[in-house]
Amino acid sequence: MKDEPRRWSHLFEDLEAQVESLAGAETRDEVAERTRIEVGGLGLVDRLRPAAGQLLVVRCAGAGLLRGRLDRVGSDCLLLTEPSGAESLLPVAAVTGIAGLGRWSEAAPGGLDRRLGMRSALRALVRTRVAVSVLLVDGGSIAGTADRVGSDFLELAEHPADEPRRPSSVLRVWTIPLHGVAVVRQPSR
């Protein structure tokens, strides 16, 4: 009979261990589920933000593989500096795959950073009047100077890449839907 209190003690210790184990498993399952839900709310730009400064390989509709350092991430675009020094602005909608991202993500900041996107960058090109090459999602390309940017289009004055935009050098003006733009490339300086 001496062993009976000891048996009860072992029984309760065993039950407590089982409860602790179940509670630990519930907590792990809950954390895993919350993580899945949180990841489900992330966008591609959230995955790109922590990769700023890293070398990436980006597959892009109409342009194929691009390699370069990720310099900026906008609300709907990314800026790569290619090994040649050329800067390439890519709309996220034209990106079909990315290699070289780490495991981390960074949720979107509020305020001004959220509003800086493809159209903002294109409007800056209109102001600076710099010549660019626009690669299209159909694989074509047009060299010229951005004249105007609307809510869903870019107007590009096509002219020879080695000439400044002058009325006499403009071959035609293209209105390009933004969904047709794969890459806007500025040559290296």
N, C-alpha and C. Protein backbone atom coordinates (compact mmCIF):
# COMPACT_ATOMS: atom_id res chain seq x y z
N MET A 1 0.81 -1.19 0.00
CA MET A 1 0.00 0.00 0.00
C MET A 1 0.85 1.26 0.00
N LYS A 2 2.10 1.10 0.38
CA LYS A 2 2.99 2.24 0.39
C LYS A 2 3.16 2.83 -1.00
N ASP A 3 3.14 2.00 -2.02
CA ASP A 3 3.39 2.44 -3.38
C ASP A 3 2.19 3.18 -3.99
N GLU A 4 0.99 3.04 -3.44
CA GLU A 4 -0.19 3.67 -4.04
C GLU A 4 -0.10 5.19 -4.10
N PRO A 5 0.30 5.91 -3.04
CA PRO A 5 0.42 7.36 -3.19
C PRO A 5 1.44 7.73 -4.26
N ARG A 6 2.47 6.91 -4.37
CA ARG A 6 3.50 7.17 -5.37
C ARG A 6 2.92 6.96 -6.77
N ARG A 7 2.08 5.95 -6.95
CA ARG A 7 1.45 5.69 -8.24
C ARG A 7 0.57 6.86 -8.64
N TRP A 8 -0.19 7.37 -7.69
CA TRP A 8 -1.03 8.53 -7.99
C TRP A 8 -0.17 9.72 -8.40
N SER A 9 0.91 9.87 -7.72
CA SER A 9 1.82 10.98 -8.04
C SER A 9 2.35 10.84 -9.46
N HIS A 10 2.78 9.64 -9.85
CA HIS A 10 3.26 9.39 -11.22
C HIS A 10 2.14 9.61 -12.24
N LEU A 11 0.94 9.15 -11.88
CA LEU A 11 -0.19 9.31 -12.78
C LEU A 11 -0.45 10.80 -13.05
N PHE A 12 -0.48 11.61 -11.95
CA PHE A 12 -0.72 13.04 -12.14
C PHE A 12 0.44 13.72 -12.88
N GLU A 13 1.65 13.31 -12.61
CA GLU A 13 2.80 13.88 -13.33
C GLU A 13 2.70 13.55 -14.81
N ASP A 14 2.32 12.32 -15.11
CA ASP A 14 2.16 11.91 -16.51
C ASP A 14 1.05 12.71 -17.18
N LEU A 15 -0.09 12.88 -16.51
CA LEU A 15 -1.20 13.66 -17.06
C LEU A 15 -0.79 15.12 -17.28
N GLU A 16 -0.06 15.71 -16.31
CA GLU A 16 0.40 17.09 -16.46
C GLU A 16 1.35 17.22 -17.66
N ALA A 17 2.22 16.23 -17.84
CA ALA A 17 3.15 16.26 -18.98
C ALA A 17 2.37 16.18 -20.29
N GLN A 18 1.34 15.36 -20.33
CA GLN A 18 0.53 15.25 -21.54
C GLN A 18 -0.19 16.56 -21.84
N VAL A 19 -0.74 17.20 -20.80
CA VAL A 19 -1.44 18.48 -20.98
C VAL A 19 -0.46 19.54 -21.49
N GLU A 20 0.74 19.59 -20.89
CA GLU A 20 1.76 20.56 -21.34
C GLU A 20 2.15 20.30 -22.79
N SER A 21 2.29 19.03 -23.14
CA SER A 21 2.65 18.66 -24.52
C SER A 21 1.55 19.09 -25.49
N LEU A 22 0.29 18.83 -25.12
CA LEU A 22 -0.82 19.24 -25.98
C LEU A 22 -0.90 20.76 -26.10
N ALA A 23 -0.69 21.45 -24.99
CA ALA A 23 -0.72 22.92 -25.03
C ALA A 23 0.41 23.44 -25.92
N GLY A 24 1.58 22.84 -25.83
CA GLY A 24 2.70 23.23 -26.69
C GLY A 24 2.39 22.98 -28.15
N ALA A 25 1.77 21.84 -28.45
CA ALA A 25 1.41 21.52 -29.83
C ALA A 25 0.34 22.49 -30.33
N GLU A 26 -0.64 22.82 -29.48
CA GLU A 26 -1.67 23.79 -29.87
C GLU A 26 -1.05 25.14 -30.17
N THR A 27 -0.12 25.55 -29.33
CA THR A 27 0.55 26.83 -29.54
C THR A 27 1.32 26.81 -30.84
N ARG A 28 2.08 25.74 -31.10
CA ARG A 28 2.82 25.62 -32.35
C ARG A 28 1.89 25.64 -33.55
N ASP A 29 0.78 24.92 -33.46
CA ASP A 29 -0.20 24.91 -34.56
C ASP A 29 -0.81 26.29 -34.77
N GLU A 30 -1.11 26.99 -33.68
CA GLU A 30 -1.69 28.32 -33.78
C GLU A 30 -0.69 29.30 -34.40
N VAL A 31 0.57 29.22 -33.98
CA VAL A 31 1.60 30.09 -34.55
C VAL A 31 1.77 29.79 -36.04
N ALA A 32 1.80 28.51 -36.40
CA ALA A 32 1.94 28.13 -37.81
C ALA A 32 0.76 28.65 -38.64
N GLU A 33 -0.45 28.55 -38.11
CA GLU A 33 -1.64 29.02 -38.83
C GLU A 33 -1.61 30.55 -38.97
N ARG A 34 -1.24 31.25 -37.90
CA ARG A 34 -1.16 32.71 -37.97
C ARG A 34 -0.09 33.13 -38.99
N THR A 35 1.01 32.40 -39.03
CA THR A 35 2.07 32.71 -40.00
C THR A 35 1.55 32.51 -41.42
N ARG A 36 0.83 31.42 -41.67
CA ARG A 36 0.26 31.18 -43.00
C ARG A 36 -0.69 32.31 -43.39
N ILE A 37 -1.51 32.76 -42.46
CA ILE A 37 -2.45 33.85 -42.74
C ILE A 37 -1.69 35.13 -43.04
N GLU A 38 -0.67 35.42 -42.24
CA GLU A 38 0.12 36.65 -42.45
C GLU A 38 0.83 36.62 -43.80
N VAL A 39 1.44 35.50 -44.15
CA VAL A 39 2.12 35.37 -45.44
C VAL A 39 1.11 35.50 -46.58
N GLY A 40 -0.09 35.01 -46.39
CA GLY A 40 -1.13 35.10 -47.41
C GLY A 40 -1.53 36.54 -47.72
N GLY A 41 -1.24 37.46 -46.83
CA GLY A 41 -1.56 38.86 -47.06
C GLY A 41 -0.43 39.67 -47.67
N LEU A 42 0.74 39.04 -47.86
CA LEU A 42 1.89 39.75 -48.42
C LEU A 42 1.81 39.81 -49.94
N GLY A 43 2.30 40.90 -50.50
CA GLY A 43 2.41 41.03 -51.94
C GLY A 43 3.86 40.87 -52.38
N LEU A 44 4.06 40.83 -53.68
CA LEU A 44 5.41 40.67 -54.22
C LEU A 44 6.33 41.80 -53.77
N VAL A 45 5.84 43.03 -53.75
CA VAL A 45 6.71 44.13 -53.32
C VAL A 45 7.12 43.97 -51.86
N ASP A 46 6.28 43.34 -51.04
CA ASP A 46 6.64 43.07 -49.65
C ASP A 46 7.80 42.07 -49.58
N ARG A 47 7.83 41.13 -50.51
CA ARG A 47 8.94 40.17 -50.58
C ARG A 47 10.21 40.85 -51.08
N LEU A 48 10.05 41.86 -51.95
CA LEU A 48 11.21 42.52 -52.55
C LEU A 48 11.89 43.52 -51.62
N ARG A 49 11.13 44.20 -50.77
CA ARG A 49 11.70 45.28 -49.94
C ARG A 49 12.97 44.87 -49.19
N PRO A 50 13.00 43.76 -48.48
CA PRO A 50 14.22 43.42 -47.74
C PRO A 50 15.39 43.02 -48.65
N ALA A 51 15.14 42.83 -49.93
CA ALA A 51 16.20 42.42 -50.86
C ALA A 51 16.91 43.61 -51.49
N ALA A 52 16.53 44.83 -51.10
CA ALA A 52 17.18 46.02 -51.66
C ALA A 52 18.69 45.91 -51.49
N GLY A 53 19.42 46.15 -52.56
CA GLY A 53 20.88 46.06 -52.55
C GLY A 53 21.41 44.70 -52.98
N GLN A 54 20.55 43.71 -53.09
CA GLN A 54 20.99 42.36 -53.47
C GLN A 54 20.97 42.18 -54.99
N LEU A 55 21.78 41.24 -55.45
CA LEU A 55 21.77 40.88 -56.87
C LEU A 55 20.65 39.88 -57.10
N LEU A 56 19.83 40.16 -58.11
CA LEU A 56 18.70 39.29 -58.43
C LEU A 56 18.72 38.93 -59.90
N VAL A 57 18.04 37.86 -60.21
CA VAL A 57 17.75 37.49 -61.59
C VAL A 57 16.23 37.59 -61.71
N VAL A 58 15.78 38.42 -62.66
CA VAL A 58 14.34 38.66 -62.81
C VAL A 58 13.92 38.21 -64.20
N ARG A 59 12.91 37.38 -64.24
CA ARG A 59 12.31 36.97 -65.51
C ARG A 59 11.16 37.93 -65.77
N CYS A 60 11.16 38.49 -66.98
CA CYS A 60 10.20 39.55 -67.28
C CYS A 60 9.56 39.30 -68.65
N ALA A 61 8.25 39.43 -68.72
CA ALA A 61 7.53 39.27 -69.99
C ALA A 61 8.10 40.24 -71.02
N GLY A 62 8.41 39.73 -72.19
CA GLY A 62 8.89 40.56 -73.27
C GLY A 62 10.37 40.90 -73.21
N ALA A 63 11.01 40.68 -72.07
CA ALA A 63 12.42 41.04 -71.92
C ALA A 63 13.30 39.86 -71.56
N GLY A 64 12.71 38.76 -71.14
CA GLY A 64 13.50 37.60 -70.75
C GLY A 64 14.14 37.79 -69.38
N LEU A 65 15.38 37.28 -69.24
CA LEU A 65 16.09 37.36 -67.96
C LEU A 65 16.86 38.67 -67.85
N LEU A 66 16.69 39.33 -66.72
CA LEU A 66 17.46 40.53 -66.41
C LEU A 66 18.22 40.25 -65.12
N ARG A 67 19.45 40.68 -65.07
CA ARG A 67 20.26 40.51 -63.87
C ARG A 67 20.68 41.89 -63.38
N GLY A 68 20.64 42.06 -62.09
CA GLY A 68 21.08 43.34 -61.56
C GLY A 68 20.84 43.47 -60.08
N ARG A 69 21.32 44.60 -59.55
CA ARG A 69 21.15 44.93 -58.14
C ARG A 69 19.79 45.63 -57.97
N LEU A 70 19.03 45.16 -57.02
CA LEU A 70 17.74 45.77 -56.73
C LEU A 70 18.01 47.07 -55.97
N ASP A 71 17.70 48.20 -56.62
CA ASP A 71 17.97 49.50 -56.00
C ASP A 71 16.76 50.09 -55.29
N ARG A 72 15.60 49.94 -55.85
CA ARG A 72 14.39 50.53 -55.26
C ARG A 72 13.20 49.60 -55.49
N VAL A 73 12.27 49.71 -54.57
CA VAL A 73 11.01 49.00 -54.70
C VAL A 73 9.89 50.02 -54.51
N GLY A 74 9.07 50.20 -55.54
CA GLY A 74 7.92 51.10 -55.44
C GLY A 74 6.67 50.32 -55.13
N SER A 75 5.57 50.98 -55.15
CA SER A 75 4.30 50.32 -54.83
C SER A 75 3.90 49.29 -55.88
N ASP A 76 4.36 49.48 -57.13
CA ASP A 76 4.00 48.55 -58.20
C ASP A 76 5.14 48.34 -59.20
N CYS A 77 6.37 48.63 -58.77
CA CYS A 77 7.51 48.51 -59.68
C CYS A 77 8.81 48.28 -58.90
N LEU A 78 9.84 47.94 -59.64
CA LEU A 78 11.16 47.79 -59.03
C LEU A 78 12.21 48.37 -59.98
N LEU A 79 13.31 48.81 -59.40
CA LEU A 79 14.40 49.39 -60.17
C LEU A 79 15.63 48.53 -60.00
N LEU A 80 16.14 48.03 -61.13
CA LEU A 80 17.36 47.21 -61.15
C LEU A 80 18.47 48.02 -61.81
N THR A 81 19.68 47.92 -61.26
CA THR A 81 20.85 48.45 -61.95
C THR A 81 21.59 47.25 -62.50
N GLU A 82 21.66 47.18 -63.81
CA GLU A 82 22.27 46.04 -64.48
C GLU A 82 23.79 46.17 -64.45
N PRO A 83 24.52 45.08 -64.68
CA PRO A 83 25.99 45.13 -64.65
C PRO A 83 26.59 46.19 -65.59
N SER A 84 25.90 46.51 -66.68
CA SER A 84 26.38 47.53 -67.61
C SER A 84 26.23 48.94 -67.03
N GLY A 85 25.48 49.07 -65.95
CA GLY A 85 25.20 50.37 -65.37
C GLY A 85 23.85 50.91 -65.79
N ALA A 86 23.21 50.27 -66.77
CA ALA A 86 21.88 50.71 -67.19
C ALA A 86 20.89 50.49 -66.05
N GLU A 87 19.97 51.43 -65.90
CA GLU A 87 18.93 51.30 -64.89
C GLU A 87 17.65 50.86 -65.58
N SER A 88 17.03 49.82 -65.04
CA SER A 88 15.81 49.27 -65.63
C SER A 88 14.67 49.34 -64.63
N LEU A 89 13.60 50.02 -65.04
CA LEU A 89 12.39 50.13 -64.25
C LEU A 89 11.42 49.07 -64.76
N LEU A 90 10.98 48.19 -63.87
CA LEU A 90 10.09 47.09 -64.26
C LEU A 90 8.78 47.19 -63.50
N PRO A 91 7.65 47.18 -64.21
CA PRO A 91 6.38 47.08 -63.50
C PRO A 91 6.24 45.67 -62.93
N VAL A 92 5.77 45.57 -61.73
CA VAL A 92 5.60 44.26 -61.09
C VAL A 92 4.71 43.37 -61.95
N ALA A 93 3.75 43.95 -62.65
CA ALA A 93 2.83 43.16 -63.48
C ALA A 93 3.56 42.43 -64.61
N ALA A 94 4.73 42.90 -65.03
CA ALA A 94 5.48 42.25 -66.11
C ALA A 94 6.45 41.20 -65.59
N VAL A 95 6.67 41.15 -64.29
CA VAL A 95 7.61 40.19 -63.70
C VAL A 95 6.95 38.82 -63.64
N THR A 96 7.66 37.82 -64.18
CA THR A 96 7.11 36.46 -64.16
C THR A 96 7.88 35.53 -63.22
N GLY A 97 8.99 35.99 -62.66
CA GLY A 97 9.74 35.19 -61.69
C GLY A 97 10.97 35.94 -61.22
N ILE A 98 11.40 35.62 -59.99
CA ILE A 98 12.58 36.26 -59.41
C ILE A 98 13.39 35.21 -58.67
N ALA A 99 14.70 35.21 -58.90
CA ALA A 99 15.61 34.33 -58.16
C ALA A 99 16.56 35.21 -57.37
N GLY A 100 16.87 34.78 -56.15
CA GLY A 100 17.84 35.49 -55.33
C GLY A 100 17.24 36.18 -54.11
N LEU A 101 15.94 36.01 -53.90
CA LEU A 101 15.32 36.62 -52.72
C LEU A 101 15.63 35.79 -51.49
N GLY A 102 15.79 36.45 -50.36
CA GLY A 102 15.97 35.75 -49.10
C GLY A 102 14.64 35.27 -48.55
N ARG A 103 14.63 34.89 -47.29
CA ARG A 103 13.42 34.35 -46.66
C ARG A 103 12.51 35.43 -46.08
N TRP A 104 13.02 36.66 -45.96
CA TRP A 104 12.28 37.68 -45.24
C TRP A 104 11.35 38.48 -46.14
N SER A 105 10.34 39.04 -45.52
CA SER A 105 9.40 39.95 -46.18
C SER A 105 9.28 41.18 -45.29
N GLU A 106 8.79 42.26 -45.86
CA GLU A 106 8.61 43.48 -45.09
C GLU A 106 7.30 44.13 -45.52
N ALA A 107 6.37 44.23 -44.59
CA ALA A 107 5.06 44.79 -44.92
C ALA A 107 5.19 46.22 -45.41
N ALA A 108 4.24 46.64 -46.21
CA ALA A 108 4.26 47.96 -46.83
C ALA A 108 4.23 49.06 -45.78
N PRO A 109 5.11 50.06 -45.96
CA PRO A 109 5.06 51.22 -45.07
C PRO A 109 3.87 52.09 -45.44
N GLY A 110 3.50 52.97 -44.57
CA GLY A 110 2.38 53.87 -44.86
C GLY A 110 2.88 55.13 -45.54
N GLY A 111 1.94 56.00 -45.83
CA GLY A 111 2.29 57.33 -46.31
C GLY A 111 2.84 57.39 -47.71
N LEU A 112 3.82 58.26 -47.89
CA LEU A 112 4.36 58.59 -49.20
C LEU A 112 4.92 57.38 -49.94
N ASP A 113 5.64 56.49 -49.26
CA ASP A 113 6.25 55.35 -49.92
C ASP A 113 5.24 54.51 -50.68
N ARG A 114 4.03 54.43 -50.18
CA ARG A 114 2.98 53.65 -50.83
C ARG A 114 2.57 54.24 -52.16
N ARG A 115 2.68 55.55 -52.30
CA ARG A 115 2.22 56.22 -53.51
C ARG A 115 3.29 56.27 -54.59
N LEU A 116 4.54 56.01 -54.24
CA LEU A 116 5.61 56.08 -55.23
C LEU A 116 5.64 54.78 -56.02
N GLY A 117 5.25 54.89 -57.27
CA GLY A 117 5.17 53.70 -58.09
C GLY A 117 5.61 53.99 -59.50
N MET A 118 5.17 53.17 -60.41
CA MET A 118 5.56 53.23 -61.81
C MET A 118 5.22 54.59 -62.42
N ARG A 119 4.02 55.06 -62.22
CA ARG A 119 3.63 56.35 -62.83
C ARG A 119 4.46 57.50 -62.28
N SER A 120 4.79 57.47 -60.99
CA SER A 120 5.64 58.52 -60.41
C SER A 120 7.00 58.53 -61.07
N ALA A 121 7.57 57.34 -61.26
CA ALA A 121 8.90 57.23 -61.90
C ALA A 121 8.84 57.70 -63.35
N LEU A 122 7.78 57.34 -64.05
CA LEU A 122 7.64 57.77 -65.45
C LEU A 122 7.46 59.28 -65.55
N ARG A 123 6.72 59.85 -64.62
CA ARG A 123 6.55 61.32 -64.62
C ARG A 123 7.89 62.01 -64.40
N ALA A 124 8.76 61.42 -63.58
CA ALA A 124 10.10 61.98 -63.39
C ALA A 124 10.88 61.96 -64.70
N LEU A 125 10.69 60.91 -65.52
CA LEU A 125 11.35 60.86 -66.83
C LEU A 125 10.82 61.95 -67.75
N VAL A 126 9.54 62.24 -67.66
CA VAL A 126 8.97 63.33 -68.47
C VAL A 126 9.63 64.65 -68.08
N ARG A 127 9.80 64.88 -66.78
CA ARG A 127 10.41 66.14 -66.32
C ARG A 127 11.87 66.25 -66.74
N THR A 128 12.63 65.15 -66.67
CA THR A 128 14.06 65.21 -66.96
C THR A 128 14.37 65.10 -68.45
N ARG A 129 13.39 64.63 -69.25
CA ARG A 129 13.54 64.53 -70.71
C ARG A 129 14.70 63.62 -71.11
N VAL A 130 14.96 62.61 -70.34
CA VAL A 130 16.03 61.67 -70.64
C VAL A 130 15.56 60.63 -71.65
N ALA A 131 16.41 60.25 -72.57
CA ALA A 131 16.06 59.22 -73.56
C ALA A 131 16.04 57.85 -72.90
N VAL A 132 15.07 57.05 -73.28
CA VAL A 132 14.92 55.71 -72.72
C VAL A 132 14.63 54.71 -73.83
N SER A 133 14.73 53.46 -73.48
CA SER A 133 14.30 52.38 -74.35
C SER A 133 13.18 51.66 -73.61
N VAL A 134 12.03 51.53 -74.24
CA VAL A 134 10.90 50.85 -73.63
C VAL A 134 10.76 49.48 -74.27
N LEU A 135 10.92 48.44 -73.46
CA LEU A 135 10.70 47.07 -73.94
C LEU A 135 9.25 46.73 -73.63
N LEU A 136 8.60 46.16 -74.60
CA LEU A 136 7.17 45.86 -74.48
C LEU A 136 6.95 44.39 -74.14
N VAL A 137 5.82 44.07 -73.55
CA VAL A 137 5.54 42.70 -73.17
C VAL A 137 5.42 41.78 -74.38
N ASP A 138 5.22 42.33 -75.58
CA ASP A 138 5.17 41.49 -76.78
C ASP A 138 6.56 41.23 -77.36
N GLY A 139 7.61 41.75 -76.70
CA GLY A 139 8.98 41.53 -77.16
C GLY A 139 9.54 42.67 -77.99
N GLY A 140 8.72 43.61 -78.41
CA GLY A 140 9.21 44.76 -79.18
C GLY A 140 9.86 45.79 -78.30
N SER A 141 10.45 46.80 -78.92
CA SER A 141 11.04 47.90 -78.15
C SER A 141 10.93 49.20 -78.94
N ILE A 142 10.89 50.30 -78.21
CA ILE A 142 10.82 51.63 -78.80
C ILE A 142 11.78 52.52 -78.04
N ALA A 143 12.64 53.24 -78.77
CA ALA A 143 13.57 54.20 -78.15
C ALA A 143 13.00 55.58 -78.31
N GLY A 144 13.08 56.39 -77.27
CA GLY A 144 12.58 57.74 -77.37
C GLY A 144 12.56 58.46 -76.04
N THR A 145 11.72 59.47 -75.98
CA THR A 145 11.60 60.30 -74.79
C THR A 145 10.14 60.31 -74.34
N ALA A 146 9.96 60.13 -73.04
CA ALA A 146 8.60 60.14 -72.48
C ALA A 146 8.05 61.56 -72.54
N ASP A 147 6.89 61.72 -73.16
CA ASP A 147 6.25 63.03 -73.28
C ASP A 147 5.17 63.24 -72.22
N ARG A 148 4.35 62.22 -71.99
CA ARG A 148 3.25 62.34 -71.03
C ARG A 148 2.97 60.99 -70.40
N VAL A 149 2.40 61.07 -69.20
CA VAL A 149 1.98 59.85 -68.49
C VAL A 149 0.57 60.09 -67.99
N GLY A 150 -0.32 59.20 -68.37
CA GLY A 150 -1.70 59.26 -67.89
C GLY A 150 -1.91 58.23 -66.80
N SER A 151 -3.15 58.01 -66.45
CA SER A 151 -3.44 57.05 -65.38
C SER A 151 -3.11 55.62 -65.80
N ASP A 152 -3.18 55.33 -67.11
CA ASP A 152 -2.89 53.96 -67.55
C ASP A 152 -2.13 53.91 -68.87
N PHE A 153 -1.46 55.02 -69.22
CA PHE A 153 -0.71 55.02 -70.48
C PHE A 153 0.53 55.91 -70.37
N LEU A 154 1.44 55.67 -71.31
CA LEU A 154 2.67 56.45 -71.47
C LEU A 154 2.71 56.90 -72.92
N GLU A 155 3.00 58.17 -73.15
CA GLU A 155 3.22 58.64 -74.51
C GLU A 155 4.72 58.81 -74.69
N LEU A 156 5.24 58.17 -75.72
CA LEU A 156 6.67 58.15 -75.97
C LEU A 156 6.93 58.67 -77.38
N ALA A 157 7.75 59.72 -77.47
CA ALA A 157 8.15 60.25 -78.78
C ALA A 157 9.31 59.40 -79.27
N GLU A 158 9.08 58.63 -80.31
CA GLU A 158 10.12 57.76 -80.85
C GLU A 158 11.11 58.59 -81.67
N HIS A 159 12.38 58.40 -81.38
CA HIS A 159 13.45 59.07 -82.14
C HIS A 159 14.70 58.22 -82.01
N PRO A 160 15.69 58.42 -82.90
CA PRO A 160 16.92 57.64 -82.79
C PRO A 160 17.54 57.81 -81.40
N ALA A 161 18.03 56.70 -80.85
CA ALA A 161 18.57 56.71 -79.49
C ALA A 161 19.76 57.64 -79.34
N ASP A 162 20.49 57.87 -80.40
CA ASP A 162 21.69 58.71 -80.30
C ASP A 162 21.40 60.19 -80.59
N GLU A 163 20.12 60.56 -80.72
CA GLU A 163 19.76 61.96 -80.97
C GLU A 163 18.84 62.45 -79.86
N PRO A 164 18.96 63.74 -79.49
CA PRO A 164 18.02 64.28 -78.51
C PRO A 164 16.64 64.45 -79.15
N ARG A 165 15.64 64.57 -78.28
CA ARG A 165 14.28 64.76 -78.79
C ARG A 165 14.13 66.18 -79.34
N ARG A 166 13.96 66.27 -80.61
CA ARG A 166 13.67 67.53 -81.29
C ARG A 166 12.54 67.22 -82.27
N PRO A 167 11.71 68.19 -82.57
CA PRO A 167 10.61 67.92 -83.50
C PRO A 167 11.09 67.27 -84.81
N SER A 168 12.25 67.66 -85.28
CA SER A 168 12.76 67.11 -86.55
C SER A 168 13.23 65.66 -86.41
N SER A 169 13.54 65.22 -85.21
CA SER A 169 14.03 63.84 -85.04
C SER A 169 12.93 62.86 -84.63
N VAL A 170 11.76 63.35 -84.27
CA VAL A 170 10.67 62.47 -83.83
C VAL A 170 10.08 61.74 -85.05
N LEU A 171 10.11 60.43 -84.99
CA LEU A 171 9.57 59.60 -86.07
C LEU A 171 8.05 59.44 -85.92
N ARG A 172 7.61 59.23 -84.69
CA ARG A 172 6.17 59.11 -84.38
C ARG A 172 6.02 59.16 -82.86
N VAL A 173 4.82 59.39 -82.41
CA VAL A 173 4.54 59.38 -80.97
C VAL A 173 3.66 58.16 -80.69
N TRP A 174 4.13 57.33 -79.77
CA TRP A 174 3.41 56.12 -79.39
C TRP A 174 2.64 56.35 -78.09
N THR A 175 1.42 55.90 -78.05
CA THR A 175 0.66 55.83 -76.80
C THR A 175 0.68 54.37 -76.39
N ILE A 176 1.31 54.10 -75.28
CA ILE A 176 1.54 52.72 -74.83
C ILE A 176 0.76 52.47 -73.54
N PRO A 177 -0.19 51.52 -73.53
CA PRO A 177 -0.86 51.18 -72.28
C PRO A 177 0.18 50.69 -71.27
N LEU A 178 0.07 51.09 -70.02
CA LEU A 178 1.07 50.68 -69.03
C LEU A 178 1.13 49.16 -68.87
N HIS A 179 0.02 48.48 -69.11
CA HIS A 179 0.07 47.01 -69.00
C HIS A 179 0.89 46.40 -70.14
N GLY A 180 1.24 47.17 -71.15
CA GLY A 180 2.08 46.69 -72.25
C GLY A 180 3.56 46.94 -72.05
N VAL A 181 3.92 47.65 -70.97
CA VAL A 181 5.32 47.96 -70.69
C VAL A 181 5.96 46.84 -69.87
N ALA A 182 7.09 46.32 -70.38
CA ALA A 182 7.84 45.30 -69.65
C ALA A 182 8.99 45.93 -68.88
N VAL A 183 9.75 46.81 -69.53
CA VAL A 183 10.93 47.44 -68.93
C VAL A 183 11.10 48.83 -69.53
N VAL A 184 11.44 49.79 -68.69
CA VAL A 184 11.86 51.11 -69.16
C VAL A 184 13.33 51.23 -68.77
N ARG A 185 14.19 51.29 -69.75
CA ARG A 185 15.63 51.26 -69.48
C ARG A 185 16.29 52.58 -69.84
N GLN A 186 17.04 53.11 -68.87
CA GLN A 186 17.91 54.26 -69.13
C GLN A 186 19.31 53.73 -69.35
N PRO A 187 19.97 54.17 -70.41
CA PRO A 187 21.33 53.69 -70.62
C PRO A 187 22.26 54.13 -69.51
N SER A 188 23.39 53.44 -69.38
CA SER A 188 24.36 53.83 -68.35
C SER A 188 24.90 55.21 -68.66
N ARG A 189 25.27 55.90 -67.63
CA ARG A 189 25.75 57.28 -67.80
C ARG A 189 27.21 57.31 -68.11
